[in-house]
Amino acid sequence: MGLFDDFSRFLEDRLDEYLRNNPHLELMVLEEKLREQEEETLNLMTDLRRQEKQLQDEILGLAREIQLWHARIEKAKAANRLDLAEPAEAHEASLLRQGNQKWGQMEVLKERIQQTQELQKKIEARRKEVQAKVSEAQATRTTTRSAESAGTGWNQTAAMGSNVDALEKQFRRWEAEEELEQLKRNLGRS
């Protein structure tokens, strides 16, 4: 397995290097990861809503059963049937405990739903930020390519102009990498 692990590590290193040299691609990968996280969050939200509906149904069922047993207790007491009233009261108390437990589960579930909604909004906002950076990077690349292709037809005599262009290119790459690192740090904090 050592050879396979070495080869796998080699490929991962080459991919990382390629992405570092092409920050726009790294942004696109980051955008895709955010899109996947957003989809997973929406699926989780759907599951939580289903669980919430199920708990609501169970609570309503318990409430109906408690009403039934409460009426039976009153009827047994009115008929002076303590042999029935006392066990019925114990059963009603058990149903009330179950209802309280379900209600507690519902409160926890509602909190999870709210947290998931907030997370989904954060992911969506970050994805839009990254999407804007991808568009910006693509526009910069297009502008740079246009300038380079326009410059190849000219007879450029001043070496200073080409040095400035190279310097401009280096600064743009450095600034894009800084923005990417900042986005990664912001994403890591959430």
N, C-alpha and C. Protein backbone atom coordinates (compact mmCIF):
# COMPACT_ATOMS: atom_id res chain seq x y z
N MET A 1 0.81 -1.20 0.00
CA MET A 1 0.00 0.00 0.00
C MET A 1 0.85 1.26 0.00
N GLY A 2 2.13 1.18 0.39
CA GLY A 2 3.00 2.34 0.47
C GLY A 2 3.14 3.04 -0.87
N LEU A 3 3.30 2.29 -1.95
CA LEU A 3 3.44 2.88 -3.28
C LEU A 3 2.16 3.62 -3.67
N PHE A 4 1.02 3.00 -3.40
CA PHE A 4 -0.25 3.64 -3.72
C PHE A 4 -0.43 4.93 -2.93
N ASP A 5 -0.09 4.90 -1.63
CA ASP A 5 -0.20 6.10 -0.78
C ASP A 5 0.73 7.20 -1.28
N ASP A 6 1.96 6.81 -1.66
CA ASP A 6 2.92 7.79 -2.18
C ASP A 6 2.40 8.42 -3.47
N PHE A 7 1.87 7.60 -4.34
CA PHE A 7 1.33 8.09 -5.61
C PHE A 7 0.14 9.00 -5.37
N SER A 8 -0.73 8.60 -4.45
CA SER A 8 -1.89 9.41 -4.12
C SER A 8 -1.46 10.76 -3.54
N ARG A 9 -0.49 10.74 -2.64
CA ARG A 9 0.03 11.97 -2.04
C ARG A 9 0.66 12.86 -3.13
N PHE A 10 1.38 12.23 -4.06
CA PHE A 10 2.01 12.97 -5.16
C PHE A 10 0.94 13.68 -5.99
N LEU A 11 -0.13 12.96 -6.33
CA LEU A 11 -1.20 13.56 -7.12
C LEU A 11 -1.88 14.70 -6.36
N GLU A 12 -2.12 14.51 -5.07
CA GLU A 12 -2.74 15.56 -4.26
C GLU A 12 -1.85 16.80 -4.21
N ASP A 13 -0.54 16.59 -4.06
CA ASP A 13 0.40 17.71 -4.04
C ASP A 13 0.39 18.46 -5.36
N ARG A 14 0.38 17.71 -6.47
CA ARG A 14 0.34 18.36 -7.79
C ARG A 14 -0.96 19.14 -7.97
N LEU A 15 -2.06 18.57 -7.51
CA LEU A 15 -3.34 19.26 -7.61
C LEU A 15 -3.32 20.54 -6.78
N ASP A 16 -2.82 20.45 -5.56
CA ASP A 16 -2.73 21.64 -4.70
C ASP A 16 -1.87 22.71 -5.35
N GLU A 17 -0.74 22.29 -5.92
CA GLU A 17 0.17 23.24 -6.59
C GLU A 17 -0.53 23.89 -7.78
N TYR A 18 -1.23 23.08 -8.56
CA TYR A 18 -1.95 23.60 -9.73
C TYR A 18 -3.00 24.61 -9.30
N LEU A 19 -3.74 24.29 -8.22
CA LEU A 19 -4.76 25.21 -7.75
C LEU A 19 -4.16 26.51 -7.21
N ARG A 20 -3.00 26.40 -6.55
CA ARG A 20 -2.33 27.60 -6.05
C ARG A 20 -1.90 28.49 -7.22
N ASN A 21 -1.46 27.87 -8.29
CA ASN A 21 -1.02 28.62 -9.47
C ASN A 21 -2.19 29.15 -10.28
N ASN A 22 -3.36 28.64 -10.02
CA ASN A 22 -4.58 29.08 -10.73
C ASN A 22 -5.66 29.40 -9.69
N PRO A 23 -5.54 30.56 -9.03
CA PRO A 23 -6.46 30.86 -7.93
C PRO A 23 -7.94 30.88 -8.34
N HIS A 24 -8.20 31.21 -9.59
CA HIS A 24 -9.59 31.23 -10.03
C HIS A 24 -10.20 29.82 -9.96
N LEU A 25 -9.37 28.80 -10.25
CA LEU A 25 -9.87 27.42 -10.15
C LEU A 25 -10.11 27.03 -8.70
N GLU A 26 -9.22 27.49 -7.82
CA GLU A 26 -9.39 27.20 -6.39
C GLU A 26 -10.69 27.84 -5.89
N LEU A 27 -10.96 29.05 -6.37
CA LEU A 27 -12.22 29.70 -6.01
C LEU A 27 -13.42 28.90 -6.52
N MET A 28 -13.29 28.36 -7.71
CA MET A 28 -14.39 27.57 -8.27
C MET A 28 -14.61 26.30 -7.45
N VAL A 29 -13.52 25.68 -6.99
CA VAL A 29 -13.63 24.48 -6.15
C VAL A 29 -14.31 24.85 -4.84
N LEU A 30 -13.89 25.97 -4.26
CA LEU A 30 -14.49 26.44 -3.01
C LEU A 30 -15.98 26.73 -3.21
N GLU A 31 -16.32 27.33 -4.32
CA GLU A 31 -17.73 27.62 -4.62
C GLU A 31 -18.54 26.32 -4.71
N GLU A 32 -17.96 25.30 -5.35
CA GLU A 32 -18.66 24.02 -5.48
C GLU A 32 -18.86 23.36 -4.11
N LYS A 33 -17.83 23.45 -3.25
CA LYS A 33 -17.97 22.88 -1.90
C LYS A 33 -19.08 23.60 -1.14
N LEU A 34 -19.13 24.92 -1.28
CA LEU A 34 -20.19 25.68 -0.60
C LEU A 34 -21.56 25.30 -1.16
N ARG A 35 -21.64 25.08 -2.44
CA ARG A 35 -22.91 24.68 -3.06
C ARG A 35 -23.36 23.32 -2.50
N GLU A 36 -22.40 22.39 -2.35
CA GLU A 36 -22.72 21.08 -1.77
C GLU A 36 -23.17 21.21 -0.32
N GLN A 37 -22.48 22.07 0.45
CA GLN A 37 -22.88 22.28 1.84
C GLN A 37 -24.28 22.88 1.93
N GLU A 38 -24.56 23.78 1.01
CA GLU A 38 -25.90 24.40 1.00
C GLU A 38 -26.96 23.35 0.70
N GLU A 39 -26.68 22.46 -0.23
CA GLU A 39 -27.63 21.40 -0.57
C GLU A 39 -27.83 20.45 0.61
N GLU A 40 -26.73 20.09 1.28
CA GLU A 40 -26.83 19.21 2.46
C GLU A 40 -27.65 19.88 3.56
N THR A 41 -27.46 21.17 3.73
CA THR A 41 -28.20 21.91 4.75
C THR A 41 -29.70 21.93 4.42
N LEU A 42 -30.02 22.11 3.16
CA LEU A 42 -31.43 22.10 2.76
C LEU A 42 -32.05 20.71 2.97
N ASN A 43 -31.27 19.66 2.69
CA ASN A 43 -31.77 18.30 2.95
C ASN A 43 -31.99 18.07 4.44
N LEU A 44 -31.05 18.56 5.26
CA LEU A 44 -31.21 18.45 6.71
C LEU A 44 -32.46 19.19 7.16
N MET A 45 -32.69 20.37 6.60
CA MET A 45 -33.87 21.16 6.96
C MET A 45 -35.15 20.39 6.63
N THR A 46 -35.19 19.75 5.50
CA THR A 46 -36.35 18.95 5.11
C THR A 46 -36.58 17.83 6.12
N ASP A 47 -35.51 17.15 6.51
CA ASP A 47 -35.61 16.06 7.48
C ASP A 47 -36.09 16.59 8.84
N LEU A 48 -35.56 17.72 9.27
CA LEU A 48 -35.98 18.29 10.55
C LEU A 48 -37.46 18.69 10.53
N ARG A 49 -37.90 19.24 9.43
CA ARG A 49 -39.33 19.62 9.30
C ARG A 49 -40.23 18.38 9.36
N ARG A 50 -39.75 17.28 8.75
CA ARG A 50 -40.52 16.03 8.80
C ARG A 50 -40.61 15.53 10.24
N GLN A 51 -39.48 15.59 10.96
CA GLN A 51 -39.47 15.17 12.36
C GLN A 51 -40.39 16.06 13.20
N GLU A 52 -40.37 17.35 12.90
CA GLU A 52 -41.23 18.29 13.63
C GLU A 52 -42.71 17.94 13.43
N LYS A 53 -43.09 17.64 12.21
CA LYS A 53 -44.48 17.27 11.91
C LYS A 53 -44.86 16.00 12.64
N GLN A 54 -43.95 15.02 12.66
CA GLN A 54 -44.21 13.75 13.35
C GLN A 54 -44.41 13.99 14.85
N LEU A 55 -43.56 14.81 15.44
CA LEU A 55 -43.70 15.11 16.88
C LEU A 55 -45.00 15.85 17.16
N GLN A 56 -45.37 16.77 16.31
CA GLN A 56 -46.64 17.48 16.48
C GLN A 56 -47.81 16.50 16.46
N ASP A 57 -47.78 15.56 15.53
CA ASP A 57 -48.84 14.56 15.45
C ASP A 57 -48.88 13.70 16.72
N GLU A 58 -47.69 13.31 17.22
CA GLU A 58 -47.65 12.50 18.44
C GLU A 58 -48.18 13.29 19.64
N ILE A 59 -47.85 14.56 19.74
CA ILE A 59 -48.32 15.40 20.84
C ILE A 59 -49.84 15.55 20.79
N LEU A 60 -50.37 15.77 19.58
CA LEU A 60 -51.83 15.88 19.44
C LEU A 60 -52.52 14.57 19.81
N GLY A 61 -51.93 13.45 19.42
CA GLY A 61 -52.49 12.15 19.77
C GLY A 61 -52.50 11.95 21.28
N LEU A 62 -51.40 12.33 21.95
CA LEU A 62 -51.35 12.22 23.41
C LEU A 62 -52.38 13.14 24.07
N ALA A 63 -52.56 14.33 23.52
CA ALA A 63 -53.54 15.27 24.08
C ALA A 63 -54.95 14.69 24.00
N ARG A 64 -55.27 14.08 22.87
CA ARG A 64 -56.60 13.45 22.72
C ARG A 64 -56.77 12.31 23.72
N GLU A 65 -55.71 11.51 23.88
CA GLU A 65 -55.78 10.38 24.82
C GLU A 65 -55.92 10.88 26.26
N ILE A 66 -55.21 11.96 26.60
CA ILE A 66 -55.31 12.53 27.95
C ILE A 66 -56.74 13.02 28.20
N GLN A 67 -57.33 13.66 27.19
CA GLN A 67 -58.72 14.12 27.33
C GLN A 67 -59.66 12.95 27.60
N LEU A 68 -59.47 11.87 26.84
CA LEU A 68 -60.30 10.69 27.01
C LEU A 68 -60.19 10.13 28.43
N TRP A 69 -58.95 9.98 28.92
CA TRP A 69 -58.75 9.42 30.25
C TRP A 69 -59.21 10.37 31.35
N HIS A 70 -59.11 11.66 31.11
CA HIS A 70 -59.59 12.62 32.09
C HIS A 70 -61.11 12.50 32.25
N ALA A 71 -61.77 12.37 31.11
CA ALA A 71 -63.23 12.19 31.16
C ALA A 71 -63.59 10.88 31.86
N ARG A 72 -62.85 9.83 31.62
CA ARG A 72 -63.10 8.55 32.27
C ARG A 72 -62.89 8.65 33.79
N ILE A 73 -61.87 9.40 34.19
CA ILE A 73 -61.61 9.58 35.63
C ILE A 73 -62.79 10.28 36.28
N GLU A 74 -63.24 11.35 35.64
CA GLU A 74 -64.40 12.10 36.18
C GLU A 74 -65.63 11.21 36.26
N LYS A 75 -65.84 10.42 35.25
CA LYS A 75 -67.00 9.51 35.22
C LYS A 75 -66.89 8.47 36.33
N ALA A 76 -65.68 7.90 36.52
CA ALA A 76 -65.48 6.88 37.57
C ALA A 76 -65.65 7.50 38.95
N LYS A 77 -65.17 8.71 39.14
CA LYS A 77 -65.32 9.39 40.45
C LYS A 77 -66.79 9.70 40.72
N ALA A 78 -67.50 10.11 39.69
CA ALA A 78 -68.92 10.43 39.85
C ALA A 78 -69.71 9.18 40.22
N ALA A 79 -69.29 8.04 39.70
CA ALA A 79 -69.96 6.78 40.00
C ALA A 79 -69.38 6.13 41.25
N ASN A 80 -68.46 6.84 41.91
CA ASN A 80 -67.83 6.35 43.13
C ASN A 80 -67.10 5.03 42.89
N ARG A 81 -66.44 4.94 41.74
CA ARG A 81 -65.66 3.73 41.38
C ARG A 81 -64.17 4.07 41.50
N LEU A 82 -63.68 4.11 42.73
CA LEU A 82 -62.28 4.42 42.98
C LEU A 82 -61.36 3.33 42.45
N ASP A 83 -61.87 2.09 42.36
CA ASP A 83 -61.06 1.00 41.81
C ASP A 83 -60.70 1.26 40.35
N LEU A 84 -61.52 2.07 39.66
CA LEU A 84 -61.22 2.46 38.28
C LEU A 84 -60.54 3.84 38.21
N ALA A 85 -60.99 4.75 39.08
CA ALA A 85 -60.50 6.13 39.03
C ALA A 85 -59.00 6.22 39.35
N GLU A 86 -58.54 5.49 40.35
CA GLU A 86 -57.14 5.60 40.76
C GLU A 86 -56.18 5.09 39.68
N PRO A 87 -56.39 3.89 39.10
CA PRO A 87 -55.50 3.45 38.02
C PRO A 87 -55.59 4.38 36.80
N ALA A 88 -56.79 4.93 36.55
CA ALA A 88 -56.96 5.84 35.42
C ALA A 88 -56.16 7.12 35.65
N GLU A 89 -56.11 7.61 36.90
CA GLU A 89 -55.32 8.79 37.22
C GLU A 89 -53.83 8.51 37.02
N ALA A 90 -53.39 7.32 37.41
CA ALA A 90 -51.98 6.94 37.22
C ALA A 90 -51.64 6.90 35.72
N HIS A 91 -52.58 6.37 34.93
CA HIS A 91 -52.36 6.31 33.49
C HIS A 91 -52.34 7.72 32.89
N GLU A 92 -53.24 8.56 33.35
CA GLU A 92 -53.28 9.95 32.87
C GLU A 92 -51.96 10.66 33.21
N ALA A 93 -51.43 10.44 34.41
CA ALA A 93 -50.16 11.05 34.81
C ALA A 93 -49.02 10.55 33.90
N SER A 94 -49.06 9.27 33.55
CA SER A 94 -48.05 8.71 32.65
C SER A 94 -48.14 9.37 31.27
N LEU A 95 -49.37 9.57 30.79
CA LEU A 95 -49.56 10.22 29.50
C LEU A 95 -49.07 11.67 29.54
N LEU A 96 -49.30 12.35 30.66
CA LEU A 96 -48.83 13.73 30.80
C LEU A 96 -47.30 13.79 30.77
N ARG A 97 -46.65 12.84 31.42
CA ARG A 97 -45.17 12.79 31.39
C ARG A 97 -44.68 12.57 29.95
N GLN A 98 -45.34 11.66 29.25
CA GLN A 98 -44.96 11.42 27.85
C GLN A 98 -45.14 12.69 27.03
N GLY A 99 -46.25 13.38 27.27
CA GLY A 99 -46.51 14.63 26.55
C GLY A 99 -45.46 15.69 26.84
N ASN A 100 -45.06 15.80 28.11
CA ASN A 100 -44.02 16.76 28.47
C ASN A 100 -42.69 16.41 27.80
N GLN A 101 -42.40 15.12 27.75
CA GLN A 101 -41.17 14.66 27.10
C GLN A 101 -41.19 15.01 25.61
N LYS A 102 -42.31 14.75 24.97
CA LYS A 102 -42.43 15.06 23.54
C LYS A 102 -42.32 16.57 23.32
N TRP A 103 -42.91 17.34 24.24
CA TRP A 103 -42.86 18.80 24.11
C TRP A 103 -41.40 19.28 24.22
N GLY A 104 -40.65 18.70 25.12
CA GLY A 104 -39.23 19.03 25.25
C GLY A 104 -38.46 18.70 23.98
N GLN A 105 -38.76 17.54 23.41
CA GLN A 105 -38.11 17.14 22.15
C GLN A 105 -38.45 18.14 21.04
N MET A 106 -39.71 18.63 21.06
CA MET A 106 -40.15 19.59 20.05
C MET A 106 -39.36 20.90 20.19
N GLU A 107 -39.15 21.34 21.43
CA GLU A 107 -38.41 22.58 21.66
C GLU A 107 -36.97 22.45 21.15
N VAL A 108 -36.34 21.33 21.44
CA VAL A 108 -34.97 21.09 20.97
C VAL A 108 -34.94 21.06 19.45
N LEU A 109 -35.92 20.42 18.86
CA LEU A 109 -35.99 20.32 17.40
C LEU A 109 -36.18 21.70 16.77
N LYS A 110 -37.01 22.52 17.37
CA LYS A 110 -37.23 23.87 16.82
C LYS A 110 -35.94 24.69 16.89
N GLU A 111 -35.17 24.50 17.94
CA GLU A 111 -33.89 25.20 18.07
C GLU A 111 -32.93 24.73 16.98
N ARG A 112 -32.91 23.43 16.74
CA ARG A 112 -32.05 22.89 15.66
C ARG A 112 -32.47 23.42 14.30
N ILE A 113 -33.77 23.55 14.09
CA ILE A 113 -34.27 24.09 12.82
C ILE A 113 -33.79 25.53 12.65
N GLN A 114 -33.90 26.31 13.71
CA GLN A 114 -33.46 27.70 13.64
C GLN A 114 -31.96 27.79 13.37
N GLN A 115 -31.17 26.97 14.06
CA GLN A 115 -29.72 26.97 13.84
C GLN A 115 -29.38 26.55 12.41
N THR A 116 -30.11 25.58 11.89
CA THR A 116 -29.87 25.11 10.53
C THR A 116 -30.21 26.20 9.52
N GLN A 117 -31.30 26.93 9.78
CA GLN A 117 -31.67 28.04 8.89
C GLN A 117 -30.57 29.11 8.89
N GLU A 118 -30.06 29.43 10.06
CA GLU A 118 -28.99 30.43 10.15
C GLU A 118 -27.74 29.95 9.42
N LEU A 119 -27.40 28.69 9.59
CA LEU A 119 -26.24 28.12 8.91
C LEU A 119 -26.43 28.18 7.40
N GLN A 120 -27.62 27.83 6.95
CA GLN A 120 -27.90 27.85 5.52
C GLN A 120 -27.75 29.26 4.96
N LYS A 121 -28.21 30.27 5.69
CA LYS A 121 -28.07 31.65 5.24
C LYS A 121 -26.60 32.07 5.17
N LYS A 122 -25.79 31.64 6.16
CA LYS A 122 -24.36 31.96 6.15
C LYS A 122 -23.67 31.30 4.96
N ILE A 123 -24.00 30.04 4.73
CA ILE A 123 -23.38 29.32 3.60
C ILE A 123 -23.76 30.00 2.29
N GLU A 124 -25.04 30.37 2.16
CA GLU A 124 -25.49 31.02 0.94
C GLU A 124 -24.77 32.35 0.72
N ALA A 125 -24.61 33.13 1.80
CA ALA A 125 -23.91 34.41 1.69
C ALA A 125 -22.45 34.20 1.29
N ARG A 126 -21.79 33.21 1.88
CA ARG A 126 -20.39 32.93 1.54
C ARG A 126 -20.27 32.44 0.10
N ARG A 127 -21.23 31.63 -0.30
CA ARG A 127 -21.19 31.14 -1.68
C ARG A 127 -21.32 32.30 -2.65
N LYS A 128 -22.19 33.26 -2.33
CA LYS A 128 -22.35 34.44 -3.20
C LYS A 128 -21.07 35.28 -3.22
N GLU A 129 -20.40 35.41 -2.07
CA GLU A 129 -19.12 36.13 -2.02
C GLU A 129 -18.10 35.45 -2.93
N VAL A 130 -18.01 34.14 -2.80
CA VAL A 130 -17.04 33.39 -3.61
C VAL A 130 -17.42 33.48 -5.07
N GLN A 131 -18.71 33.42 -5.36
CA GLN A 131 -19.18 33.52 -6.74
C GLN A 131 -18.76 34.86 -7.34
N ALA A 132 -18.88 35.94 -6.54
CA ALA A 132 -18.46 37.26 -7.01
C ALA A 132 -16.96 37.28 -7.26
N LYS A 133 -16.19 36.64 -6.38
CA LYS A 133 -14.73 36.59 -6.56
C LYS A 133 -14.38 35.78 -7.80
N VAL A 134 -15.12 34.69 -8.06
CA VAL A 134 -14.88 33.90 -9.27
C VAL A 134 -15.12 34.76 -10.50
N SER A 135 -16.23 35.48 -10.49
CA SER A 135 -16.55 36.35 -11.64
C SER A 135 -15.47 37.42 -11.81
N GLU A 136 -15.03 37.99 -10.69
CA GLU A 136 -13.98 39.01 -10.73
C GLU A 136 -12.68 38.43 -11.28
N ALA A 137 -12.33 37.24 -10.81
CA ALA A 137 -11.10 36.60 -11.27
C ALA A 137 -11.18 36.28 -12.76
N GLN A 138 -12.35 35.82 -13.21
CA GLN A 138 -12.52 35.51 -14.63
C GLN A 138 -12.43 36.78 -15.47
N ALA A 139 -13.01 37.86 -14.97
CA ALA A 139 -12.94 39.13 -15.69
C ALA A 139 -11.50 39.62 -15.75
N THR A 140 -10.77 39.48 -14.65
CA THR A 140 -9.36 39.88 -14.62
C THR A 140 -8.55 39.05 -15.60
N ARG A 141 -8.80 37.75 -15.63
CA ARG A 141 -8.09 36.88 -16.57
C ARG A 141 -8.40 37.26 -18.01
N THR A 142 -9.67 37.57 -18.29
CA THR A 142 -10.06 37.96 -19.64
C THR A 142 -9.38 39.26 -20.03
N THR A 143 -9.37 40.23 -19.11
CA THR A 143 -8.72 41.50 -19.37
C THR A 143 -7.22 41.31 -19.60
N THR A 144 -6.61 40.49 -18.75
CA THR A 144 -5.18 40.23 -18.88
C THR A 144 -4.88 39.55 -20.21
N ARG A 145 -5.69 38.59 -20.59
CA ARG A 145 -5.48 37.89 -21.87
C ARG A 145 -5.64 38.86 -23.03
N SER A 146 -6.67 39.71 -22.95
CA SER A 146 -6.89 40.68 -24.02
C SER A 146 -5.71 41.63 -24.15
N ALA A 147 -5.21 42.09 -23.01
CA ALA A 147 -4.06 42.99 -23.02
C ALA A 147 -2.83 42.30 -23.58
N GLU A 148 -2.65 41.04 -23.19
CA GLU A 148 -1.49 40.30 -23.68
C GLU A 148 -1.59 40.05 -25.17
N SER A 149 -2.78 39.70 -25.66
CA SER A 149 -2.92 39.42 -27.08
C SER A 149 -2.83 40.71 -27.89
N ALA A 150 -3.32 41.82 -27.33
CA ALA A 150 -3.19 43.10 -28.03
C ALA A 150 -1.74 43.55 -28.04
N GLY A 151 -1.04 43.27 -26.99
CA GLY A 151 0.36 43.68 -26.87
C GLY A 151 1.28 42.91 -27.77
N THR A 152 0.91 41.72 -28.18
CA THR A 152 1.80 40.91 -29.01
C THR A 152 1.91 41.48 -30.42
N GLY A 153 0.91 42.20 -30.89
CA GLY A 153 0.95 42.76 -32.24
C GLY A 153 1.71 44.07 -32.30
N TRP A 154 1.95 44.69 -31.21
CA TRP A 154 2.66 45.97 -31.18
C TRP A 154 4.16 45.77 -31.12
N ASN A 155 4.83 46.71 -31.61
CA ASN A 155 6.29 46.68 -31.50
C ASN A 155 6.66 47.46 -30.26
N GLN A 156 6.88 46.76 -29.17
CA GLN A 156 7.16 47.42 -27.90
C GLN A 156 8.66 47.59 -27.76
N THR A 157 9.09 48.82 -27.73
CA THR A 157 10.52 49.08 -27.64
C THR A 157 10.97 49.30 -26.22
N ALA A 158 10.07 49.72 -25.35
CA ALA A 158 10.47 50.04 -23.97
C ALA A 158 10.37 48.80 -23.11
N ALA A 159 11.47 48.36 -22.56
CA ALA A 159 11.48 47.20 -21.67
C ALA A 159 10.75 47.52 -20.38
N MET A 160 10.71 48.78 -20.00
CA MET A 160 10.05 49.21 -18.78
C MET A 160 8.57 48.86 -18.82
N GLY A 161 7.92 49.03 -19.96
CA GLY A 161 6.49 48.72 -20.08
C GLY A 161 6.21 47.27 -19.82
N SER A 162 7.02 46.36 -20.33
CA SER A 162 6.80 44.93 -20.10
C SER A 162 7.10 44.55 -18.66
N ASN A 163 8.08 45.23 -18.04
CA ASN A 163 8.36 44.97 -16.63
C ASN A 163 7.19 45.39 -15.76
N VAL A 164 6.58 46.52 -16.09
CA VAL A 164 5.43 47.00 -15.33
C VAL A 164 4.26 46.03 -15.49
N ASP A 165 4.06 45.52 -16.71
CA ASP A 165 2.99 44.55 -16.94
C ASP A 165 3.22 43.29 -16.12
N ALA A 166 4.46 42.82 -16.07
CA ALA A 166 4.77 41.62 -15.29
C ALA A 166 4.55 41.89 -13.80
N LEU A 167 4.96 43.06 -13.37
CA LEU A 167 4.77 43.44 -11.97
C LEU A 167 3.28 43.52 -11.64
N GLU A 168 2.51 44.12 -12.56
CA GLU A 168 1.06 44.22 -12.37
C GLU A 168 0.44 42.83 -12.25
N LYS A 169 0.89 41.94 -13.09
CA LYS A 169 0.39 40.57 -13.07
C LYS A 169 0.71 39.89 -11.75
N GLN A 170 1.94 40.07 -11.27
CA GLN A 170 2.33 39.47 -9.99
C GLN A 170 1.49 40.02 -8.84
N PHE A 171 1.28 41.34 -8.85
CA PHE A 171 0.46 41.94 -7.79
C PHE A 171 -0.97 41.42 -7.84
N ARG A 172 -1.53 41.31 -9.02
CA ARG A 172 -2.91 40.80 -9.13
C ARG A 172 -3.01 39.38 -8.61
N ARG A 173 -2.04 38.54 -8.95
CA ARG A 173 -2.04 37.16 -8.46
C ARG A 173 -1.93 37.14 -6.94
N TRP A 174 -1.00 37.94 -6.41
CA TRP A 174 -0.78 38.01 -4.96
C TRP A 174 -2.05 38.50 -4.25
N GLU A 175 -2.69 39.53 -4.79
CA GLU A 175 -3.92 40.06 -4.18
C GLU A 175 -5.04 39.04 -4.24
N ALA A 176 -5.15 38.32 -5.35
CA ALA A 176 -6.19 37.28 -5.47
C ALA A 176 -5.95 36.16 -4.47
N GLU A 177 -4.66 35.79 -4.29
CA GLU A 177 -4.34 34.75 -3.31
C GLU A 177 -4.66 35.21 -1.89
N GLU A 178 -4.39 36.48 -1.61
CA GLU A 178 -4.72 37.02 -0.28
C GLU A 178 -6.23 36.98 -0.04
N GLU A 179 -7.01 37.38 -1.04
CA GLU A 179 -8.46 37.35 -0.91
C GLU A 179 -8.95 35.92 -0.71
N LEU A 180 -8.35 34.98 -1.42
CA LEU A 180 -8.72 33.58 -1.29
C LEU A 180 -8.43 33.09 0.13
N GLU A 181 -7.25 33.42 0.64
CA GLU A 181 -6.90 33.01 2.00
C GLU A 181 -7.85 33.62 3.02
N GLN A 182 -8.24 34.88 2.81
CA GLN A 182 -9.18 35.54 3.72
C GLN A 182 -10.54 34.83 3.68
N LEU A 183 -10.98 34.46 2.49
CA LEU A 183 -12.25 33.72 2.37
C LEU A 183 -12.15 32.38 3.08
N LYS A 184 -11.01 31.70 2.93
CA LYS A 184 -10.83 30.41 3.59
C LYS A 184 -10.88 30.59 5.11
N ARG A 185 -10.21 31.63 5.61
CA ARG A 185 -10.23 31.87 7.06
C ARG A 185 -11.65 32.17 7.53
N ASN A 186 -12.38 33.00 6.76
CA ASN A 186 -13.76 33.31 7.13
C ASN A 186 -14.62 32.07 7.11
N LEU A 187 -14.40 31.21 6.15
CA LEU A 187 -15.18 29.97 6.05
C LEU A 187 -14.82 29.04 7.20
N GLY A 188 -13.56 29.03 7.61
CA GLY A 188 -13.13 28.16 8.69
C GLY A 188 -13.70 28.59 10.05
N ARG A 189 -14.04 29.86 10.20
CA ARG A 189 -14.57 30.33 11.48
C ARG A 189 -16.00 29.91 11.73
N SER A 190 -16.74 29.62 10.69
CA SER A 190 -18.15 29.27 10.91
C SER A 190 -18.33 27.82 11.20
